[in-house]
C-alpha atoms as a PDB file:
ATOM      1  CA  MET A   1      92.692 118.720 109.562  1.00  0.00           C
ATOM      2  CA  SER A   2      95.713 117.652 107.946  1.00  0.00           C
ATOM      3  CA  TYR A   3      96.229 115.400 104.790  1.00  0.00           C
ATOM      4  CA  ASP A   4      99.172 113.811 102.813  1.00  0.00           C
ATOM      5  CA  THR A   5      99.631 114.284  99.369  1.00  0.00           C
ATOM      6  CA  VAL A   6     101.182 111.101  97.797  1.00  0.00           C
ATOM      7  CA  VAL A   7     104.178 111.890  95.558  1.00  0.00           C
ATOM      8  CA  ARG A   8     105.291 108.342  94.817  1.00  0.00           C
ATOM      9  CA  PHE A   9     103.644 104.945  95.424  1.00  0.00           C
ATOM     10  CA  ARG A  10     104.489 101.517  94.535  1.00  0.00           C
ATOM     11  CA  ILE A  11     102.886  97.940  95.731  1.00  0.00           C
ATOM     12  CA  ASP A  12     105.124  95.026  95.335  1.00  0.00           C
ATOM     13  CA  ARG A  13     102.944  92.046  95.674  1.00  0.00           C
ATOM     14  CA  GLU A  14     106.090  89.704  95.464  1.00  0.00           C
ATOM     15  CA  ASN A  15     107.761  90.906  98.368  1.00  0.00           C
ATOM     16  CA  MET A  16     104.351  92.116 100.253  1.00  0.00           C
ATOM     17  CA  THR A  17     105.584  95.675 100.509  1.00  0.00           C
ATOM     18  CA  ILE A  18     104.217  99.177 100.160  1.00  0.00           C
ATOM     19  CA  ALA A  19     106.556 101.578  99.920  1.00  0.00           C
ATOM     20  CA  GLY A  20     106.279 105.562  98.502  1.00  0.00           C
ATOM     21  CA  SER A  21     106.846 109.156  99.244  1.00  0.00           C
ATOM     22  CA  TYR A  22     104.487 111.613 100.787  1.00  0.00           C
ATOM     23  CA  ARG A  23     104.145 115.380 101.473  1.00  0.00           C
ATOM     24  CA  SER A  24     102.235 116.389 104.730  1.00  0.00           C
ATOM     25  CA  SER A  25      99.942 119.459 104.077  1.00  0.00           C
ATOM     26  CA  ASN A  26     101.473 120.849 107.790  1.00  0.00           C
ATOM     27  CA  SER A  27     105.301 120.012 108.117  1.00  0.00           C
ATOM     28  CA  TRP A  28     107.363 122.495 106.416  1.00  0.00           C
ATOM     29  CA  ASP A  29     111.503 122.606 106.582  1.00  0.00           C
ATOM     30  CA  TRP A  30     113.504 125.664 107.636  1.00  0.00           C
ATOM     31  CA  ASN A  31     113.651 126.697 104.164  1.00  0.00           C
ATOM     32  CA  GLY A  32     109.774 127.007 103.647  1.00  0.00           C
ATOM     33  CA  LYS A  33     109.433 123.904 101.956  1.00  0.00           C
ATOM     34  CA  ARG A  34     107.001 121.086 102.763  1.00  0.00           C
ATOM     35  CA  THR A  35     108.921 118.153 103.985  1.00  0.00           C
ATOM     36  CA  VAL A  36     108.955 115.083 101.867  1.00  0.00           C
ATOM     37  CA  GLU A  37     108.495 111.779 103.918  1.00  0.00           C
ATOM     38  CA  ASP A  38     109.608 108.352 102.721  1.00  0.00           C
ATOM     39  CA  TYR A  39     107.545 105.327 103.503  1.00  0.00           C
ATOM     40  CA  THR A  40     108.043 101.743 103.367  1.00  0.00           C
ATOM     41  CA  LYS A  41     106.239  98.632 105.007  1.00  0.00           C
ATOM     42  CA  ALA A  42     107.035  94.926 104.707  1.00  0.00           C
ATOM     43  CA  TYR A  43     104.000  93.033 105.795  1.00  0.00           C
ATOM     44  CA  GLU A  44     104.503  89.312 107.146  1.00  0.00           C
ATOM     45  CA  THR A  45     101.384  87.696 106.228  1.00  0.00           C
ATOM     46  CA  PHE A  46      99.430  87.899 103.262  1.00  0.00           C
ATOM     47  CA  GLU A  47      96.309  88.937 104.812  1.00  0.00           C
ATOM     48  CA  ASP A  48      97.809  91.648 106.488  1.00  0.00           C
ATOM     49  CA  PHE A  49      99.498  93.163 103.353  1.00  0.00           C
ATOM     50  CA  LYS A  50      95.860  93.032 101.564  1.00  0.00           C
ATOM     51  CA  GLU A  51      94.410  94.767 104.763  1.00  0.00           C
ATOM     52  CA  GLY A  52      97.468  97.690 104.125  1.00  0.00           C
ATOM     53  CA  VAL A  53      96.511  97.790 100.356  1.00  0.00           C
ATOM     54  CA  PHE A  54      92.664  98.323 101.118  1.00  0.00           C
ATOM     55  CA  GLY A  55      93.529 100.897 104.091  1.00  0.00           C
ATOM     56  CA  PHE A  56      95.632 102.889 101.704  1.00  0.00           C
ATOM     57  CA  ALA A  57      92.771 102.969  99.098  1.00  0.00           C
ATOM     58  CA  ASP A  58      90.512 103.862 102.106  1.00  0.00           C
ATOM     59  CA  ASP A  59      92.524 106.763 103.174  1.00  0.00           C
ATOM     60  CA  ALA A  60      92.526 107.712  99.715  1.00  0.00           C
ATOM     61  CA  LEU A  61      88.652 107.965  99.657  1.00  0.00           C
ATOM     62  CA  ASN A  62      88.185 109.583 103.063  1.00  0.00           C
ATOM     63  CA  GLY A  63      90.445 112.604 102.044  1.00  0.00           C
ATOM     64  CA  SER A  64      93.225 112.013 104.502  1.00  0.00           C
ATOM     65  CA  LEU A  65      95.740 110.729 101.704  1.00  0.00           C
ATOM     66  CA  ARG A  66      95.356 112.440  98.537  1.00  0.00           C
ATOM     67  CA  PHE A  67      96.749 111.270  94.972  1.00  0.00           C
ATOM     68  CA  SER A  68      97.129 113.509  92.015  1.00  0.00           C
ATOM     69  CA  ASN A  69      94.399 112.686  89.403  1.00  0.00           C
ATOM     70  CA  SER A  70      97.199 111.583  86.739  1.00  0.00           C
ATOM     71  CA  SER A  71      98.322 108.843  89.248  1.00  0.00           C
ATOM     72  CA  THR A  72      97.822 105.225  88.535  1.00  0.00           C
ATOM     73  CA  MET A  73      96.127 104.494  92.030  1.00  0.00           C
ATOM     74  CA  SER A  74      93.740 107.432  91.573  1.00  0.00           C
ATOM     75  CA  LYS A  75      92.503 105.995  88.186  1.00  0.00           C
ATOM     76  CA  ARG A  76      92.099 102.646  89.847  1.00  0.00           C
ATOM     77  CA  LEU A  77      90.067 104.039  92.738  1.00  0.00           C
ATOM     78  CA  THR A  78      87.951 106.008  89.807  1.00  0.00           C
ATOM     79  CA  TRP A  79      87.347 102.829  88.004  1.00  0.00           C
ATOM     80  CA  LEU A  80      86.054 101.225  91.101  1.00  0.00           C
ATOM     81  CA  SER A  81      83.760 103.989  92.082  1.00  0.00           C
ATOM     82  CA  GLN A  82      82.435 103.762  88.320  1.00  0.00           C
ATOM     83  CA  ASN A  83      82.091  99.968  88.955  1.00  0.00           C
ATOM     84  CA  ASN A  84      79.970  99.981  92.337  1.00  0.00           C
ATOM     85  CA  LYS A  85      82.934  98.602  94.049  1.00  0.00           C
ATOM     86  CA  LEU A  86      82.531 100.739  96.703  1.00  0.00           C
ATOM     87  CA  GLU A  87      80.452 100.515 100.006  1.00  0.00           C
ATOM     88  CA  TYR A  88      79.322 102.651 102.874  1.00  0.00           C
ATOM     89  CA  ARG A  89      81.668 102.531 105.692  1.00  0.00           C
ATOM     90  CA  TYR A  90      78.615 102.432 108.161  1.00  0.00           C
ATOM     91  CA  PRO A  91      75.914 101.215 106.511  1.00  0.00           C
ATOM     92  CA  GLU A  92      73.465 101.181 109.453  1.00  0.00           C
ATOM     93  CA  LYS A  93      73.907 105.077 109.960  1.00  0.00           C
ATOM     94  CA  VAL A  94      73.194 105.439 106.052  1.00  0.00           C
ATOM     95  CA  LYS A  95      69.468 104.566 106.561  1.00  0.00           C
ATOM     96  CA  SER A  96      69.287 106.808 109.395  1.00  0.00           C
ATOM     97  CA  ASN A  97      67.547 110.379 108.786  1.00  0.00           C
ATOM     98  CA  LYS A  98      68.996 112.248 111.362  1.00  0.00           C
ATOM     99  CA  PRO A  99      70.813 115.549 110.637  1.00  0.00           C
ATOM    100  CA  GLU A 100      73.873 114.053 112.704  1.00  0.00           C
ATOM    101  CA  ASP A 101      74.331 111.075 110.622  1.00  0.00           C
ATOM    102  CA  ALA A 102      73.872 112.998 107.284  1.00  0.00           C
ATOM    103  CA  TRP A 103      77.866 112.872 106.726  1.00  0.00           C
ATOM    104  CA  TYR A 104      77.915 109.122 107.024  1.00  0.00           C
ATOM    105  CA  LYS A 105      76.271 109.102 103.346  1.00  0.00           C
ATOM    106  CA  GLU A 106      79.730 110.499 101.742  1.00  0.00           C
ATOM    107  CA  TRP A 107      82.233 107.952 103.817  1.00  0.00           C
ATOM    108  CA  PHE A 108      82.977 105.149 101.607  1.00  0.00           C
ATOM    109  CA  VAL A 109      85.696 102.059 101.792  1.00  0.00           C
ATOM    110  CA  VAL A 110      86.316  99.997  98.862  1.00  0.00           C
ATOM    111  CA  LYS A 111      84.611  96.393  99.122  1.00  0.00           C
ATOM    112  CA  ARG A 112      86.706  93.604 100.515  1.00  0.00           C
ATOM    113  CA  ASP A 113      86.988  91.328  97.652  1.00  0.00           C
ATOM    114  CA  GLU A 114      89.333  89.606  95.369  1.00  0.00           C
ATOM    115  CA  GLU A 115      88.693  91.632  92.039  1.00  0.00           C
ATOM    116  CA  THR A 116      88.919  94.747  94.014  1.00  0.00           C
ATOM    117  CA  PHE A 117      92.185  93.706  95.416  1.00  0.00           C
ATOM    118  CA  LYS A 118      93.522  92.867  91.705  1.00  0.00           C
ATOM    119  CA  VAL A 119      92.604  96.195  90.514  1.00  0.00           C
ATOM    120  CA  LEU A 120      94.578  98.128  93.386  1.00  0.00           C
ATOM    121  CA  VAL A 121      97.653  95.911  93.122  1.00  0.00           C
ATOM    122  CA  GLY A 122      97.815  96.349  89.382  1.00  0.00           C
ATOM    123  CA  GLU A 123      96.999  92.405  88.479  1.00  0.00           C
ATOM    124  CA  LYS A 124      93.824  93.651  86.589  1.00  0.00           C
ATOM    125  CA  ARG A 125      94.457  96.127  84.221  1.00  0.00           C
ATOM    126  CA  VAL A 126      91.606  98.842  84.348  1.00  0.00           C
ATOM    127  CA  LYS A 127      90.858 102.148  82.338  1.00  0.00           C
ATOM    128  CA  PRO A 128      88.171 104.585  83.895  1.00  0.00           C
ATOM    129  CA  LYS A 129      85.745 106.145  81.819  1.00  0.00           C
ATOM    130  CA  VAL A 130      86.553 109.489  80.601  1.00  0.00           C
ATOM    131  CA  TRP A 131      84.482 112.502  79.072  1.00  0.00           C
ATOM    132  CA  ILE A 132      85.757 115.564  77.487  1.00  0.00           C
ATOM    133  CA  ILE A 133      83.736 118.596  76.276  1.00  0.00           C
ATOM    134  CA  THR A 134      84.471 119.436  72.376  1.00  0.00           C
ATOM    135  CA  ASP A 135      82.751 120.038  69.422  1.00  0.00           C
ATOM    136  CA  GLY A 136      83.404 116.962  67.949  1.00  0.00           C
ATOM    137  CA  GLU A 137      86.207 117.815  65.766  1.00  0.00           C
ATOM    138  CA  ARG A 138      88.778 120.175  66.946  1.00  0.00           C
ATOM    139  CA  ILE A 139      88.155 122.320  69.701  1.00  0.00           C
ATOM    140  CA  GLY A 140      87.972 121.334  73.131  1.00  0.00           C
ATOM    141  CA  VAL A 141      87.776 122.951  76.769  1.00  0.00           C
ATOM    142  CA  LYS A 142      90.801 123.279  78.524  1.00  0.00           C
ATOM    143  CA  VAL A 143      90.579 124.388  82.598  1.00  0.00           C
ATOM    144  CA  THR A 144      93.119 125.405  84.778  1.00  0.00           C
ATOM    145  CA  SER A 145      92.951 126.769  88.496  1.00  0.00           C
ATOM    146  CA  ARG A 146      92.982 130.155  87.128  1.00  0.00           C
ATOM    147  CA  TYR A 147      91.180 129.940  83.983  1.00  0.00           C
ATOM    148  CA  THR A 148      88.763 128.320  81.385  1.00  0.00           C
ATOM    149  CA  LYS A 149      89.639 128.590  77.615  1.00  0.00           C
ATOM    150  CA  LEU A 150      89.100 126.771  74.142  1.00  0.00           C
ATOM    151  CA  SER A 151      92.047 125.109  72.963  1.00  0.00           C
ATOM    152  CA  TYR A 152      93.073 122.730  70.184  1.00  0.00           C
ATOM    153  CA  ASP A 153      95.261 120.734  72.221  1.00  0.00           C
ATOM    154  CA  ARG A 154      95.522 119.226  75.772  1.00  0.00           C
ATOM    155  CA  TRP A 155      91.881 119.109  76.781  1.00  0.00           C
ATOM    156  CA  LYS A 156      90.442 118.771  80.307  1.00  0.00           C
ATOM    157  CA  LYS A 157      89.596 115.134  80.942  1.00  0.00           C
ATOM    158  CA  PHE A 158      86.405 114.608  83.311  1.00  0.00           C
ATOM    159  CA  TYR A 159      86.150 111.632  85.476  1.00  0.00           C
ATOM    160  CA  SER A 160      82.445 111.832  86.143  1.00  0.00           C
ATOM    161  CA  LEU A 161      79.843 112.833  84.103  1.00  0.00           C
ATOM    162  CA  ASP A 162      78.326 115.123  86.888  1.00  0.00           C
ATOM    163  CA  ALA A 163      81.761 117.164  86.662  1.00  0.00           C
ATOM    164  CA  ALA A 164      81.555 117.407  82.904  1.00  0.00           C
ATOM    165  CA  ASN A 165      77.574 118.382  83.483  1.00  0.00           C
ATOM    166  CA  GLU A 166      78.330 121.098  85.743  1.00  0.00           C
ATOM    167  CA  MET A 167      81.026 122.415  83.643  1.00  0.00           C
ATOM    168  CA  MET A 168      78.635 122.571  80.777  1.00  0.00           C
ATOM    169  CA  LYS A 169      76.335 124.619  82.734  1.00  0.00           C
ATOM    170  CA  ARG A 170      79.243 127.177  83.214  1.00  0.00           C
ATOM    171  CA  LEU A 171      80.169 127.062  79.524  1.00  0.00           C
ATOM    172  CA  THR A 172      76.151 127.576  78.579  1.00  0.00           C
ATOM    173  CA  ASP A 173      76.133 130.721  80.985  1.00  0.00           C
ATOM    174  CA  LEU A 174      79.173 132.261  79.246  1.00  0.00           C
ATOM    175  CA  GLY A 175      77.466 131.384  75.612  1.00  0.00           C
ATOM    176  CA  TRP A 176      80.073 129.252  74.479  1.00  0.00           C
ATOM    177  CA  VAL A 177      77.808 126.004  73.672  1.00  0.00           C
ATOM    178  CA  GLU A 178      75.540 127.557  71.318  1.00  0.00           C
ATOM    179  CA  SER A 179      78.540 129.682  69.773  1.00  0.00           C
ATOM    180  CA  TYR A 180      81.076 126.673  68.984  1.00  0.00           C
ATOM    181  CA  GLY A 181      78.540 123.939  69.159  1.00  0.00           C
ATOM    182  CA  LEU A 182      80.251 121.965  72.624  1.00  0.00           C
ATOM    183  CA  LYS A 183      78.969 118.937  73.730  1.00  0.00           C
ATOM    184  CA  ILE A 184      80.112 116.206  75.905  1.00  0.00           C
ATOM    185  CA  VAL A 185      81.767 112.977  74.338  1.00  0.00           C
ATOM    186  CA  GLU A 186      83.174 109.941  76.009  1.00  0.00           C
ATOM    187  CA  ALA A 187      87.008 109.845  75.369  1.00  0.00           C
END
């Protein structure tokens, strides 16, 4: 399965356009670098524009379009998930107990209402809840792809409490929670 990573993304409500650049996971140039494609789409009607915005959000939720965690769109989608603005794509399949229908319980789309649209286009400013693991004063946890360490600056921000609790389990196994008095704090 291929996916696209968004490099640049912009929604312009006045001109009803969505523009950006993306990098495909399976497209390489002759130099061995992933190719970057530009995307611009102008919509004729406001309803088409609204469905286009919702479509981008749905693609990001199902994993075919990826935004970096620091991007504004990713933070907007995180806020929507924290505030129950997501719904199942196939609600009738979710109620099924058949094993082949289990993956439907993980397929979400954004709710099609005015508040959700305002959040996605940036009219309503939102800030998702963020948790950090710290001793409460000066030491926090820094997590990279290669290592986890205690740091005095640039602490890892967790956008879900479940992810923070999972990291706390790992740190408890290492003995850091007892040694340094680490705890989860909402930032």
